[in-house]
C-alpha atoms as a PDB file:
ATOM      1  CA  MET A   1      -1.958   4.660  17.529  1.00  0.00           C
ATOM      2  CA  PHE A   2      -1.610   4.822  13.862  1.00  0.00           C
ATOM      3  CA  VAL A   3       1.473   5.182  11.640  1.00  0.00           C
ATOM      4  CA  ILE A   4       2.236   6.599   8.162  1.00  0.00           C
ATOM      5  CA  VAL A   5       4.517   3.721   6.329  1.00  0.00           C
ATOM      6  CA  GLU A   6       5.676   3.852   2.835  1.00  0.00           C
ATOM      7  CA  ILE A   7       5.183   0.448   1.032  1.00  0.00           C
ATOM      8  CA  ALA A   8       6.401   0.099  -2.667  1.00  0.00           C
ATOM      9  CA  GLY A   9       6.701   3.825  -3.106  1.00  0.00           C
ATOM     10  CA  GLN A  10       3.260   4.672  -1.899  1.00  0.00           C
ATOM     11  CA  GLN A  11       2.220   5.837   1.796  1.00  0.00           C
ATOM     12  CA  PHE A  12      -0.442   4.273   3.794  1.00  0.00           C
ATOM     13  CA  LYS A  13      -2.035   5.092   6.913  1.00  0.00           C
ATOM     14  CA  ALA A  14      -1.657   1.712   8.906  1.00  0.00           C
ATOM     15  CA  GLU A  15      -3.251   0.888  12.398  1.00  0.00           C
ATOM     16  CA  LYS A  16      -3.277  -2.363  14.239  1.00  0.00           C
ATOM     17  CA  GLY A  17      -6.033  -4.725  12.257  1.00  0.00           C
ATOM     18  CA  ARG A  18      -6.449  -2.764   9.430  1.00  0.00           C
ATOM     19  CA  LYS A  19      -6.737  -4.439   5.870  1.00  0.00           C
ATOM     20  CA  LEU A  20      -4.639  -2.602   3.117  1.00  0.00           C
ATOM     21  CA  TYR A  21      -4.387  -3.128  -0.483  1.00  0.00           C
ATOM     22  CA  VAL A  22      -0.794  -2.363  -1.969  1.00  0.00           C
ATOM     23  CA  HIS A  23       1.084  -3.317  -5.016  1.00  0.00           C
ATOM     24  CA  ARG A  24       1.742  -6.898  -5.542  1.00  0.00           C
ATOM     25  CA  LEU A  25       4.383  -8.031  -3.213  1.00  0.00           C
ATOM     26  CA  ALA A  26       6.646 -10.887  -3.375  1.00  0.00           C
ATOM     27  CA  GLY A  27       5.766 -13.591  -1.092  1.00  0.00           C
ATOM     28  CA  ASP A  28       3.099 -16.339  -0.189  1.00  0.00           C
ATOM     29  CA  VAL A  29      -0.159 -16.356   1.141  1.00  0.00           C
ATOM     30  CA  GLU A  30      -0.165 -16.219   4.804  1.00  0.00           C
ATOM     31  CA  SER A  31       3.473 -15.328   5.284  1.00  0.00           C
ATOM     32  CA  SER A  32       4.824 -12.396   7.198  1.00  0.00           C
ATOM     33  CA  VAL A  33       6.413  -9.354   5.745  1.00  0.00           C
ATOM     34  CA  SER A  34       7.932  -6.055   7.925  1.00  0.00           C
ATOM     35  CA  PHE A  35       8.166  -2.673   6.698  1.00  0.00           C
ATOM     36  CA  ASP A  36      10.613  -0.207   8.425  1.00  0.00           C
ATOM     37  CA  LYS A  37      10.046   2.939   6.015  1.00  0.00           C
ATOM     38  CA  VAL A  38       8.027   4.368   9.063  1.00  0.00           C
ATOM     39  CA  LEU A  39       7.474   8.059   8.084  1.00  0.00           C
ATOM     40  CA  LEU A  40       5.196   9.280  11.240  1.00  0.00           C
ATOM     41  CA  VAL A  41       4.226   7.732  14.609  1.00  0.00           C
ATOM     42  CA  GLU A  42       1.161   8.886  16.506  1.00  0.00           C
ATOM     43  CA  ASN A  43       0.748   7.522  19.937  1.00  0.00           C
ATOM     44  CA  GLY A  44      -2.087   9.235  22.336  1.00  0.00           C
ATOM     45  CA  GLY A  45      -1.424  12.709  20.784  1.00  0.00           C
ATOM     46  CA  GLN A  46       2.321  12.309  20.934  1.00  0.00           C
ATOM     47  CA  VAL A  47       3.504  12.723  17.279  1.00  0.00           C
ATOM     48  CA  LYS A  48       7.004  11.698  16.218  1.00  0.00           C
ATOM     49  CA  VAL A  49       8.027  12.670  12.712  1.00  0.00           C
ATOM     50  CA  GLY A  50      10.963  11.184  10.691  1.00  0.00           C
ATOM     51  CA  ALA A  51      13.627  12.772   8.976  1.00  0.00           C
ATOM     52  CA  PRO A  52      13.317  10.866   6.841  1.00  0.00           C
ATOM     53  CA  VAL A  53      12.030   7.752   8.831  1.00  0.00           C
ATOM     54  CA  VAL A  54      11.663   7.149  12.388  1.00  0.00           C
ATOM     55  CA  LYS A  55      14.201   5.059  13.836  1.00  0.00           C
ATOM     56  CA  GLY A  56      13.362   1.697  15.660  1.00  0.00           C
ATOM     57  CA  ALA A  57      10.046   1.774  13.938  1.00  0.00           C
ATOM     58  CA  ALA A  58       8.549  -1.154  12.011  1.00  0.00           C
ATOM     59  CA  VAL A  59       5.282  -2.550  10.967  1.00  0.00           C
ATOM     60  CA  LYS A  60       4.689  -6.267  10.855  1.00  0.00           C
ATOM     61  CA  CYS A  61       1.950  -7.450   8.144  1.00  0.00           C
ATOM     62  CA  LYS A  62       0.663 -10.667   7.158  1.00  0.00           C
ATOM     63  CA  ILE A  63      -0.527 -11.437   3.372  1.00  0.00           C
ATOM     64  CA  LEU A  64      -4.181 -12.261   3.138  1.00  0.00           C
ATOM     65  CA  LYS A  65      -4.571 -12.976  -0.335  1.00  0.00           C
ATOM     66  CA  HIS A  66      -3.233 -11.771  -4.149  1.00  0.00           C
ATOM     67  CA  LEU A  67      -5.718 -10.377  -6.717  1.00  0.00           C
ATOM     68  CA  LYS A  68      -6.413  -8.198  -9.377  1.00  0.00           C
ATOM     69  CA  ASP A  69      -7.974  -4.819  -9.018  1.00  0.00           C
ATOM     70  CA  ASP A  70     -11.151  -3.413 -11.107  1.00  0.00           C
ATOM     71  CA  LYS A  71     -10.430  -2.818 -14.821  1.00  0.00           C
ATOM     72  CA  VAL A  72      -9.605   0.699 -15.986  1.00  0.00           C
ATOM     73  CA  LEU A  73     -10.254   1.516 -19.605  1.00  0.00           C
ATOM     74  CA  VAL A  74      -7.999   4.050 -21.416  1.00  0.00           C
ATOM     75  CA  PHE A  75      -9.909   5.529 -24.331  1.00  0.00           C
ATOM     76  CA  LYS A  76      -8.279   7.792 -26.690  1.00  0.00           C
ATOM     77  CA  LYS A  77      -9.855   9.507 -29.733  1.00  0.00           C
ATOM     78  CA  LYS A  78      -9.020  12.221 -32.251  1.00  0.00           C
ATOM     79  CA  ARG A  79     -12.180  14.116 -33.546  1.00  0.00           C
ATOM     80  CA  ARG A  80     -12.665  14.229 -37.462  1.00  0.00           C
ATOM     81  CA  THR A  81     -10.064  11.589 -38.286  1.00  0.00           C
ATOM     82  CA  GLY A  82     -11.866   8.187 -37.322  1.00  0.00           C
ATOM     83  CA  TYR A  83      -9.108   7.470 -34.934  1.00  0.00           C
ATOM     84  CA  GLN A  84     -10.260   5.466 -31.636  1.00  0.00           C
ATOM     85  CA  LYS A  85      -8.550   3.107 -29.397  1.00  0.00           C
ATOM     86  CA  CYS A  86      -9.446   1.260 -26.244  1.00  0.00           C
ATOM     87  CA  ASN A  87      -6.990  -0.464 -24.033  1.00  0.00           C
ATOM     88  CA  GLY A  88      -8.136  -2.063 -20.611  1.00  0.00           C
ATOM     89  CA  HIS A  89      -5.628  -2.515 -17.792  1.00  0.00           C
ATOM     90  CA  ARG A  90      -6.145  -4.421 -14.364  1.00  0.00           C
ATOM     91  CA  GLN A  91      -3.391  -3.704 -11.565  1.00  0.00           C
ATOM     92  CA  TYR A  92      -2.140  -6.471  -9.470  1.00  0.00           C
ATOM     93  CA  LEU A  93      -2.727  -6.048  -5.792  1.00  0.00           C
ATOM     94  CA  THR A  94      -1.792  -7.713  -2.717  1.00  0.00           C
ATOM     95  CA  GLN A  95      -4.282  -7.524   0.413  1.00  0.00           C
ATOM     96  CA  ILE A  96      -2.154  -7.377   3.755  1.00  0.00           C
ATOM     97  CA  LEU A  97      -3.319  -7.305   7.517  1.00  0.00           C
ATOM     98  CA  VAL A  98      -1.330  -4.931   9.854  1.00  0.00           C
ATOM     99  CA  GLU A  99      -0.859  -7.290  12.831  1.00  0.00           C
ATOM    100  CA  ASP A 100       1.772  -5.474  14.950  1.00  0.00           C
ATOM    101  CA  ILE A 101       3.437  -1.864  15.239  1.00  0.00           C
ATOM    102  CA  VAL A 102       6.612  -1.572  17.114  1.00  0.00           C
ATOM    103  CA  ALA A 103       7.555   2.126  17.737  1.00  0.00           C
END
């Protein structure tokens, strides 16, 4: 059984026991969060597609830790002018564990 759930504007495939990395969530480590924007539910070959969400479906998760992603370098250059610029960026993430799927 798996679901497609929308978390912080992004869609993720969630299964029970799977760990996901999502944009930083407001919440303490070891606390529970629930997401009710379930877009699709697949259970043993039966597929329910929401319009826009599946009613009564929810995903219960536990926050494992807050962390930062790998650094992404943004390099800009214009040729023949001597212009170069390098900026770095690290995205804040939250690791969550899918504990239960209510469908």
